[in-house]
C-alpha cells in the first residue's frame, strides 16, 4: 500500500513515525494530514536506504536541489559530487535532471548514494531516447513515456515530475495569450512540441490512469509539473498558467481517489505582489495539496544572482503557505551549475525556508533565532556557529578576520554589545 492508503486505514507507517519524530509533531496528526492529502512522504518502496522526509501542512518548509548532466557537461562522478554538496549544505531532497550521458546509470548511482528523497523528470529519458533512436523528440511514443516512468519508479525514484496539465486546451490558451517567453519548462516544451507535431492529446493526461497505476505500485509521489509556468514577469499569472492549474486541481483529486500521493508545482517568474495570490489560488484549486515552487523569481534581470532572487520569492511563498522550495542557483539562465553553485543555491533557499517557518510558527524555528540572539549578546562564538544555518562558514570567517578581544573585527574594541553589557552590568551591581 502507499503511504496515503496506509494512513487512510488509520495505521501509522514507519515512515510516518520517523517524520513525526524529526518534526516534533504528533504522529496521529501527521497520519491525518497524509490521509487527506495535505502532506506527503515521498518514499518509493525500492529506495532502500531512504531516510523519509515529510512535505506539507504543518511541517517545516523543505528545500530541493536540482543536479544532473546536460548534453554539454557532466557524468556520474560530477553528479555524485553535486549530490554530496547539496546534502552537506542541508537540502531535504534532490532531483536528477540529467539530459546527457547514460541517464539510467546516473540516476541509479544517485539513488544508491542518497538517503534523501530523489526526484526525476522521466520524459527527459523518453525524449532523449527518441532523439537517439529516431532523430527527434517528437518521434517518441506514449509507450516510450510510460516505460521511462516505470523505469524510474522501478529504480527507486521517490517523486516524479509529470507534465499532465499541458493539454491541447492549454496550448490553445497559450496561442491566444501571446506570451513574451512562451514555454520555458523543458519537460513542458517536450510535450508541447510532441503534441503539436503529432496533433494528439498529451498521453500523460489522456492516459492518466496508466500513470496512477505505476505510481501506486511503487508508491511514487506525483509532482504535477507546471509546464506552462511563466518564464518572465510579463507572463505571470496569465490565462495560460491558470488554465493548466485548473487541470492540475482535477488531477489531484483523481490521484487521491486512486490512493496516490501527489503534490503540485508552481511558478516561476512572479512579481512580489502576486506571490501570495498564486499560493492561495493553488491551495484553493488543489484542495490543500502540497505546493512545490521554483523560486519564485521576483525579477528577470538578476542573472548571476538568481539564488538571491529566488530566495526573496521563496520566503514570501513559504510565508503564504508553499511547502517545498526548489532552489535556484547563481548560474540559473547562464550555465549548468557547478558544486559551488549548488551549495550557494541550497543555502539561499534554506534561509528563505527558515524565514517562512518563523512566520508559520513551525516548532523550534523562532526559538533557534532567540538562541542565536542570546549567544550574540554573550559574544559566544561557538554557540553562534552551532545555531547558524552554515556553522562551517561562521567559524571560517570569524577565525580568518579575528581580533585580540572577545568581539569580532566588525567593531573591534567598540563592540556595542560589549560596551552596553559592561555598563548595564555595572549599574545592576550598584543597585
Protein backbone atom coordinates (compact mmCIF):
# COMPACT_ATOMS: atom_id res chain seq x y z
CA UNK A 1 0.00 0.00 0.00
CA UNK A 2 1.00 3.61 -0.49
CA UNK A 3 1.60 5.96 2.42
CA UNK A 4 -1.78 7.52 1.58
CA UNK A 5 -3.60 4.19 1.69
CA UNK A 6 -1.91 3.18 4.93
CA UNK A 7 -2.90 6.47 6.56
CA UNK A 8 -6.48 6.15 5.39
CA UNK A 9 -6.71 2.79 7.13
CA UNK A 10 -5.79 4.53 10.39
CA UNK A 11 -2.36 2.95 10.57
CA UNK A 12 0.98 4.56 11.37
CA UNK A 13 3.72 3.58 8.92
CA UNK A 14 7.40 3.53 9.98
CA UNK A 15 7.95 6.47 7.65
CA UNK A 16 5.20 8.45 9.36
CA UNK A 17 6.69 7.70 12.75
CA UNK A 18 10.13 8.88 11.64
CA UNK A 19 8.80 12.11 10.14
CA UNK A 20 6.82 12.85 13.30
CA UNK A 21 9.92 12.39 15.46
CA UNK A 22 12.10 14.62 13.27
CA UNK A 23 9.49 17.38 13.03
CA UNK A 24 8.39 17.18 16.66
CA UNK A 25 4.77 16.85 15.55
CA UNK A 26 2.17 14.43 16.89
CA UNK A 27 2.21 11.16 14.94
CA UNK A 28 -1.56 10.96 14.62
CA UNK A 29 -1.67 14.50 13.23
CA UNK A 30 0.86 13.50 10.54
CA UNK A 31 -1.26 10.47 9.68
CA UNK A 32 -4.43 12.53 9.40
CA UNK A 33 -2.81 15.01 7.04
CA UNK A 34 -1.38 12.27 4.84
CA UNK A 35 -4.85 10.71 4.71
CA UNK A 36 -6.45 13.93 3.50
CA UNK A 37 -3.64 14.65 1.02
CA UNK A 38 -2.23 17.85 2.50
CA UNK A 39 1.03 16.14 3.45
CA UNK A 40 3.15 13.65 1.51
CA UNK A 41 6.06 11.39 2.36
CA UNK A 42 7.85 10.59 -0.92
CA UNK A 43 9.12 7.08 -0.22
CA UNK A 44 9.44 4.64 -3.10
CA UNK A 45 9.31 1.05 -1.86
CA UNK A 46 12.53 0.35 -3.81
CA UNK A 47 14.60 3.19 -2.29
CA UNK A 48 16.11 1.01 0.40
CA UNK A 49 18.48 3.47 2.10
CA UNK A 50 15.92 6.30 2.28
CA UNK A 51 15.52 8.44 5.38
CA UNK A 52 11.93 9.66 4.88
CA UNK A 53 11.04 13.34 4.72
CA UNK A 54 7.58 14.89 5.03
CA UNK A 55 6.36 17.75 2.86
CA UNK A 56 3.18 19.65 3.57
CA UNK A 57 0.78 21.06 6.11
CA UNK A 58 2.24 21.92 9.50
CA UNK A 59 5.79 20.80 8.70
CA UNK A 60 8.95 22.82 8.17
CA UNK A 61 9.39 24.24 4.66
CA UNK A 62 11.57 21.88 2.66
CA UNK A 63 14.29 22.64 0.09
CA UNK A 64 15.08 20.70 -3.08
CA UNK A 65 18.33 20.89 -5.05
CA UNK A 66 18.46 20.15 -8.79
CA UNK A 67 21.51 18.39 -10.18
CA UNK A 68 22.08 16.43 -13.38
CA UNK A 69 24.09 16.35 -16.58
CA UNK A 70 23.40 18.31 -19.75
CA UNK A 71 24.14 17.48 -23.37
CA UNK A 72 27.34 19.54 -22.95
CA UNK A 73 28.62 18.70 -19.49
CA UNK A 74 28.66 16.15 -16.70
CA UNK A 75 28.92 12.46 -15.88
CA UNK A 76 28.25 10.13 -12.97
CA UNK A 77 31.21 11.48 -10.99
CA UNK A 78 30.25 15.15 -11.34
CA UNK A 79 26.68 14.46 -10.25
CA UNK A 80 27.63 12.33 -7.26
CA UNK A 81 29.87 15.20 -6.17
CA UNK A 82 26.99 17.66 -6.57
CA UNK A 83 24.70 15.31 -4.63
CA UNK A 84 27.16 15.24 -1.75
CA UNK A 85 27.49 19.03 -1.81
CA UNK A 86 23.71 19.50 -1.80
CA UNK A 87 23.21 17.13 1.12
CA UNK A 88 26.07 18.66 3.10
CA UNK A 89 24.54 22.11 2.57
CA UNK A 90 21.24 20.86 4.02
CA UNK A 91 19.00 20.01 1.06
CA UNK A 92 15.96 17.95 2.04
CA UNK A 93 15.58 16.35 -1.39
CA UNK A 94 17.48 16.21 -4.69
CA UNK A 95 16.22 15.99 -8.27
CA UNK A 96 18.29 14.37 -11.00
CA UNK A 97 17.51 16.32 -14.17
CA UNK A 98 20.11 14.62 -16.35
CA UNK A 99 19.77 15.02 -20.10
CA UNK A 100 23.24 13.84 -21.14
CA UNK A 101 25.24 10.64 -20.91
CA UNK A 102 23.83 7.36 -19.62
CA UNK A 103 20.75 8.76 -17.90
CA UNK A 104 19.57 5.50 -16.24
CA UNK A 105 23.07 4.74 -14.92
CA UNK A 106 23.45 8.24 -13.48
CA UNK A 107 20.02 8.00 -11.84
CA UNK A 108 20.75 4.63 -10.25
CA UNK A 109 24.08 5.85 -8.89
CA UNK A 110 22.43 8.91 -7.35
CA UNK A 111 19.66 6.84 -5.73
CA UNK A 112 22.18 4.35 -4.34
CA UNK A 113 24.25 7.19 -2.87
CA UNK A 114 21.38 9.16 -1.34
CA UNK A 115 19.44 8.80 1.89
CA UNK A 116 17.42 11.85 0.79
CA UNK A 117 14.32 11.55 -1.43
CA UNK A 118 15.21 11.63 -5.12
CA UNK A 119 13.06 13.10 -7.87
CA UNK A 120 13.32 12.93 -11.66
CA UNK A 121 11.58 14.06 -14.85
CA UNK A 122 11.09 10.80 -16.79
CA UNK A 123 10.08 12.49 -20.05
CA UNK A 124 13.72 13.58 -20.41
CA UNK A 125 14.73 9.93 -20.73
CA UNK A 126 11.88 9.25 -23.16
CA UNK A 127 12.56 12.31 -25.32
CA UNK A 128 16.32 11.90 -25.49
CA UNK A 129 15.87 8.21 -26.22
CA UNK A 130 13.69 9.18 -29.18
CA UNK A 131 16.40 11.52 -30.44
CA UNK A 132 18.97 8.76 -30.22
CA UNK A 133 16.74 6.22 -31.99
CA UNK A 134 14.77 8.34 -34.44
CA UNK A 135 16.48 11.74 -34.57
CA UNK A 136 13.70 13.79 -32.94
CA UNK A 137 11.87 14.20 -29.64
CA UNK A 138 8.55 14.26 -31.49
CA UNK A 139 9.16 10.66 -32.56
CA UNK A 140 8.74 9.32 -29.01
CA UNK A 141 5.60 7.31 -28.37
CA UNK A 142 3.20 7.17 -25.44
CA UNK A 143 4.72 3.80 -24.57
CA UNK A 144 8.18 5.40 -24.51
CA UNK A 145 6.93 7.93 -21.95
CA UNK A 146 5.25 5.39 -19.68
CA UNK A 147 8.12 2.92 -19.99
CA UNK A 148 10.50 5.67 -18.86
CA UNK A 149 8.24 6.46 -15.90
CA UNK A 150 8.17 2.81 -14.88
CA UNK A 151 11.96 2.54 -15.26
CA UNK A 152 12.36 5.48 -12.88
CA UNK A 153 9.85 4.03 -10.43
CA UNK A 154 11.45 0.58 -10.51
CA UNK A 155 14.87 2.10 -9.82
CA UNK A 156 13.57 3.71 -6.61
CA UNK A 157 12.78 7.32 -7.57
CA UNK A 158 10.63 8.83 -4.80
CA UNK A 159 8.83 11.55 -6.76
CA UNK A 160 8.46 12.29 -10.47
CA UNK A 161 7.59 15.50 -12.25
CA UNK A 162 4.93 14.76 -14.87
CA UNK A 163 3.53 17.49 -17.11
CA UNK A 164 -0.04 16.19 -17.21
CA UNK A 165 -1.61 19.64 -17.35
CA UNK A 166 -0.04 20.54 -20.70
CA UNK A 167 -3.17 19.77 -22.70
CA UNK A 168 -4.48 20.79 -26.10
CA UNK A 169 -6.72 23.34 -24.38
CA UNK A 170 -3.69 24.78 -22.57
CA UNK A 171 -1.84 25.11 -25.88
CA UNK A 172 -4.87 26.82 -27.42
CA UNK A 173 -4.86 29.25 -24.49
CA UNK A 174 -1.12 29.79 -25.00
CA UNK A 175 -1.68 30.75 -28.64
CA UNK A 176 -4.39 33.21 -27.67
CA UNK A 177 -2.42 34.69 -24.80
CA UNK A 178 0.53 35.96 -26.78
CA UNK A 179 3.27 35.44 -24.19
CA UNK A 180 6.67 37.05 -24.19
CA UNK A 181 8.56 33.84 -23.34
CA UNK A 182 6.03 31.18 -24.41
CA UNK A 183 7.13 27.92 -22.67
CA UNK A 184 10.28 27.80 -20.52
CA UNK A 185 9.72 24.42 -18.87
CA UNK A 186 11.96 21.88 -20.61
CA UNK A 187 9.59 18.99 -19.93
CA UNK A 188 6.64 21.18 -20.88
CA UNK A 189 8.36 22.08 -24.15
CA UNK A 190 8.95 18.39 -24.90
CA UNK A 191 5.23 17.76 -24.53
CA UNK A 192 4.10 20.87 -26.43
CA UNK A 193 6.37 20.03 -29.38
CA UNK A 194 5.19 16.43 -29.41
CA UNK A 195 1.51 17.36 -29.24
CA UNK A 196 1.72 19.99 -31.97
CA UNK A 197 3.69 17.73 -34.29
CA UNK A 198 1.53 14.66 -33.77
CA UNK A 199 -1.75 16.56 -33.40
CA UNK A 200 -2.62 14.41 -30.40
CA UNK A 201 -3.63 14.96 -26.78
CA UNK A 202 -0.99 14.65 -24.08
CA UNK A 203 -0.69 10.92 -23.17
CA UNK A 204 0.04 11.85 -19.55
CA UNK A 205 -3.39 13.50 -19.40
CA UNK A 206 -5.28 11.17 -21.72
CA UNK A 207 -3.88 8.01 -20.08
CA UNK A 208 -3.64 9.39 -16.56
CA UNK A 209 -4.96 6.18 -15.04
CA UNK A 210 -1.98 4.35 -16.52
CA UNK A 211 0.29 6.79 -14.72
CA UNK A 212 -1.62 6.31 -11.47
CA UNK A 213 -1.21 2.53 -11.71
CA UNK A 214 2.58 2.88 -11.88
CA UNK A 215 2.71 5.43 -9.06
CA UNK A 216 0.54 3.28 -6.81
CA UNK A 217 2.58 0.12 -7.43
CA UNK A 218 5.84 1.70 -6.26
CA UNK A 219 4.39 4.46 -4.05
CA UNK A 220 5.93 7.16 -6.21
CA UNK A 221 4.67 10.62 -5.32
CA UNK A 222 3.44 12.51 -8.38
CA UNK A 223 4.71 16.06 -8.69
CA UNK A 224 2.29 17.59 -11.18
CA UNK A 225 4.57 19.81 -13.25
CA UNK A 226 3.92 23.40 -14.22
CA UNK A 227 4.77 23.09 -17.89
CA UNK A 228 3.06 26.41 -18.57
CA UNK A 229 4.75 28.34 -15.78
CA UNK A 230 5.65 31.95 -16.60
CA UNK A 231 9.25 32.49 -17.69
CA UNK A 232 9.22 36.23 -17.11
CA UNK A 233 7.29 38.73 -15.01
CA UNK A 234 5.31 39.89 -18.04
CA UNK A 235 3.72 36.41 -18.33
CA UNK A 236 2.95 35.94 -14.62
CA UNK A 237 -0.49 34.75 -13.52
CA UNK A 238 -1.85 34.78 -17.06
CA UNK A 239 -4.66 32.72 -18.54
CA UNK A 240 -2.29 30.00 -19.79
CA UNK A 241 -0.85 29.41 -16.33
CA UNK A 242 -4.27 29.30 -14.70
CA UNK A 243 -5.68 27.02 -17.42
CA UNK A 244 -3.05 24.45 -16.51
CA UNK A 245 -3.62 24.90 -12.77
CA UNK A 246 -7.33 24.19 -13.13
CA UNK A 247 -6.49 20.91 -14.85
CA UNK A 248 -3.99 20.02 -12.15
CA UNK A 249 -6.63 20.56 -9.49
CA UNK A 250 -8.80 17.91 -11.15
CA UNK A 251 -5.85 15.53 -11.45
CA UNK A 252 -5.01 15.95 -7.75
CA UNK A 253 -8.45 14.61 -6.86
CA UNK A 254 -8.10 11.68 -9.26
CA UNK A 255 -4.73 10.79 -7.72
CA UNK A 256 -6.22 10.84 -4.23
CA UNK A 257 -9.12 8.67 -5.40
CA UNK A 258 -6.56 6.14 -6.66
CA UNK A 259 -4.59 6.17 -3.40
CA UNK A 260 -1.61 8.00 -4.92
CA UNK A 261 0.34 10.73 -3.15
CA UNK A 262 0.54 13.99 -5.08
CA UNK A 263 1.95 17.50 -4.89
CA UNK A 264 1.68 20.41 -7.32
CA UNK A 265 4.44 22.50 -8.85
CA UNK A 266 4.16 26.25 -9.25
CA UNK A 267 5.75 29.27 -10.88
CA UNK A 268 8.21 30.51 -11.96
CA UNK A 269 8.80 34.22 -12.51
CA UNK A 270 6.30 36.16 -10.37
CA UNK A 271 6.40 39.77 -9.11
CA UNK A 272 6.36 40.20 -5.34
CA UNK A 273 2.77 41.39 -5.16
CA UNK A 274 1.42 38.30 -6.96
CA UNK A 275 3.16 35.56 -4.96
CA UNK A 276 0.65 35.29 -2.11
CA UNK A 277 -2.22 35.26 -4.61
CA UNK A 278 -0.59 32.42 -6.54
CA UNK A 279 -0.07 30.31 -3.43
CA UNK A 280 -3.61 30.82 -2.15
CA UNK A 281 -5.03 30.11 -5.60
CA UNK A 282 -3.13 26.83 -5.82
CA UNK A 283 -4.18 25.79 -2.33
CA UNK A 284 -7.83 26.52 -3.12
CA UNK A 285 -7.95 24.84 -6.54
CA UNK A 286 -5.88 21.84 -5.45
CA UNK A 287 -7.64 21.42 -2.07
CA UNK A 288 -4.55 21.93 0.06
CA UNK A 289 -2.20 19.58 -1.80
CA UNK A 290 1.46 20.40 -1.00
CA UNK A 291 2.79 23.22 -3.17
CA UNK A 292 6.28 22.94 -4.69
CA UNK A 293 7.59 26.24 -6.08
CA UNK A 294 10.56 27.08 -8.30
CA UNK A 295 11.86 30.21 -6.62
CA UNK A 296 9.67 32.11 -7.39
CA UNK A 297 11.97 34.60 -9.10
CA UNK A 298 10.86 38.16 -8.43
CA UNK A 299 12.79 39.94 -11.19
CA UNK A 300 14.14 38.95 -14.60
CA UNK A 301 17.35 40.99 -14.54
CA UNK A 302 19.42 39.38 -11.77
CA UNK A 303 21.37 36.91 -13.92
CA UNK A 304 24.30 35.65 -11.87
CA UNK A 305 22.43 36.36 -8.64
CA UNK A 306 19.23 34.42 -9.16
CA UNK A 307 19.80 32.44 -5.97
CA UNK A 308 19.05 35.73 -4.20
CA UNK A 309 16.10 36.48 -6.49
CA UNK A 310 14.70 33.03 -5.77
CA UNK A 311 15.27 33.29 -2.03
CA UNK A 312 13.32 36.54 -1.87
CA UNK A 313 10.39 34.95 -3.68
CA UNK A 314 10.74 31.68 -1.77
CA UNK A 315 10.48 33.40 1.60
CA UNK A 316 7.26 35.13 0.58
CA UNK A 317 5.83 31.96 -0.99
CA UNK A 318 6.71 29.93 2.09
CA UNK A 319 5.14 32.53 4.38
CA UNK A 320 1.97 32.37 2.25
CA UNK A 321 1.80 28.58 2.56
CA UNK A 322 4.14 26.99 0.00
CA UNK A 323 5.57 23.75 1.37
CA UNK A 324 8.58 22.93 -0.80
CA UNK A 325 11.11 25.32 -2.35
CA UNK A 326 13.10 24.28 -5.40
CA UNK A 327 16.38 26.08 -5.15
CA UNK A 328 17.72 28.44 -7.81
CA UNK A 329 21.48 28.75 -8.27
CA UNK A 330 23.63 31.75 -9.27
CA UNK A 331 24.11 30.16 -12.69
CA UNK A 332 20.36 29.90 -13.46
CA UNK A 333 19.76 31.18 -17.02
CA UNK A 334 23.52 31.16 -17.68
CA UNK A 335 25.07 27.69 -17.37
CA UNK A 336 24.79 24.29 -15.74
CA UNK A 337 25.56 24.70 -12.01
CA UNK A 338 28.84 23.51 -10.51
CA UNK A 339 29.43 22.39 -6.93
CA UNK A 340 29.80 25.96 -5.63
CA UNK A 341 26.55 26.97 -7.34
CA UNK A 342 24.77 24.01 -5.76
CA UNK A 343 25.97 24.98 -2.31
CA UNK A 344 25.02 28.64 -2.75
CA UNK A 345 21.60 27.70 -4.10
CA UNK A 346 20.81 25.38 -1.20
CA UNK A 347 21.90 27.89 1.42
CA UNK A 348 19.89 30.71 -0.13
CA UNK A 349 16.74 28.59 -0.22
CA UNK A 350 17.33 27.33 3.33
CA UNK A 351 17.43 30.93 4.53
CA UNK A 352 14.13 31.57 2.74
CA UNK A 353 12.57 28.42 4.17
CA UNK A 354 13.61 29.25 7.72
CA UNK A 355 12.36 32.82 7.43
CA UNK A 356 9.00 31.43 6.30
CA UNK A 357 8.93 28.88 9.12
CA UNK A 358 9.26 31.62 11.74
CA UNK A 359 6.09 33.24 10.39
CA UNK A 360 4.30 29.88 10.06
CA UNK A 361 5.01 29.09 13.69
CA UNK A 362 6.89 25.90 12.86
CA UNK A 363 8.09 24.28 16.06
CA UNK A 364 11.61 25.39 17.03
CA UNK A 365 12.09 27.98 14.27
CA UNK A 366 11.77 31.18 16.31
CA UNK A 367 13.43 29.53 19.31
CA UNK A 368 16.57 28.93 17.25
CA UNK A 369 16.76 32.63 16.39
CA UNK A 370 16.40 33.51 20.07
CA UNK A 371 19.26 31.17 20.97
CA UNK A 372 21.39 32.92 18.36
CA UNK A 373 20.49 36.32 19.82
CA UNK A 374 21.48 35.22 23.33
CA UNK A 375 24.78 33.84 22.01
CA UNK A 376 25.50 37.15 20.28
CA UNK A 377 24.83 39.09 23.44
CA UNK A 378 27.26 36.83 25.30
CA UNK A 379 29.81 37.00 22.44
CA UNK A 380 29.73 33.20 22.50
CA UNK A 381 31.16 32.45 19.06
CA UNK A 382 30.96 28.68 19.21
CA UNK A 383 27.29 28.78 20.17
CA UNK A 384 26.66 31.24 17.35
CA UNK A 385 28.22 28.75 14.93
CA UNK A 386 26.05 25.94 16.28
CA UNK A 387 22.85 27.94 15.79
CA UNK A 388 23.79 29.21 12.32
CA UNK A 389 22.45 27.61 9.14
CA UNK A 390 26.06 27.30 7.96
CA UNK A 391 28.28 26.62 11.00
CA UNK A 392 31.34 25.90 8.85
CA UNK A 393 31.23 29.33 7.23
CA UNK A 394 30.62 31.13 10.54
CA UNK A 395 33.72 29.56 12.07
CA UNK A 396 35.83 30.15 8.98
CA UNK A 397 35.01 33.83 8.50
CA UNK A 398 35.26 34.68 12.20
CA UNK A 399 38.64 32.98 12.57
CA UNK A 400 40.11 34.49 9.40
CA UNK A 401 39.28 38.04 10.48
CA UNK A 402 39.51 37.73 14.25
CA UNK A 403 40.75 40.30 16.77
CA UNK A 404 42.62 40.04 20.04
CA UNK A 405 39.48 40.86 22.03
CA UNK A 406 36.26 38.94 22.55
CA UNK A 407 34.33 40.91 19.92
CA UNK A 408 34.52 40.44 16.15
CA UNK A 409 36.60 42.62 13.83
CA UNK A 410 33.50 44.48 12.57
CA UNK A 411 33.52 46.75 15.65
CA UNK A 412 36.66 45.58 17.47
CA UNK A 413 37.07 47.48 20.76
CA UNK A 414 33.90 49.46 20.05
CA UNK A 415 31.53 46.47 20.11
CA UNK A 416 28.06 47.76 21.01
CA UNK A 417 27.03 44.64 22.93
CA UNK A 418 30.27 44.51 24.88
CA UNK A 419 30.14 48.20 25.84
CA UNK A 420 26.47 48.33 26.78
CA UNK A 421 26.67 44.95 28.53
CA UNK A 422 29.56 46.23 30.66
CA UNK A 423 27.77 49.36 31.87
CA UNK A 424 24.35 47.74 32.25
CA UNK A 425 26.03 45.08 34.32
CA UNK A 426 27.83 47.65 36.48
CA UNK A 427 24.61 49.58 37.08
CA UNK A 428 22.77 46.40 38.03
CA UNK A 429 25.54 45.57 40.53
CA UNK A 430 25.31 49.02 42.21
CA UNK A 431 21.57 48.69 42.54
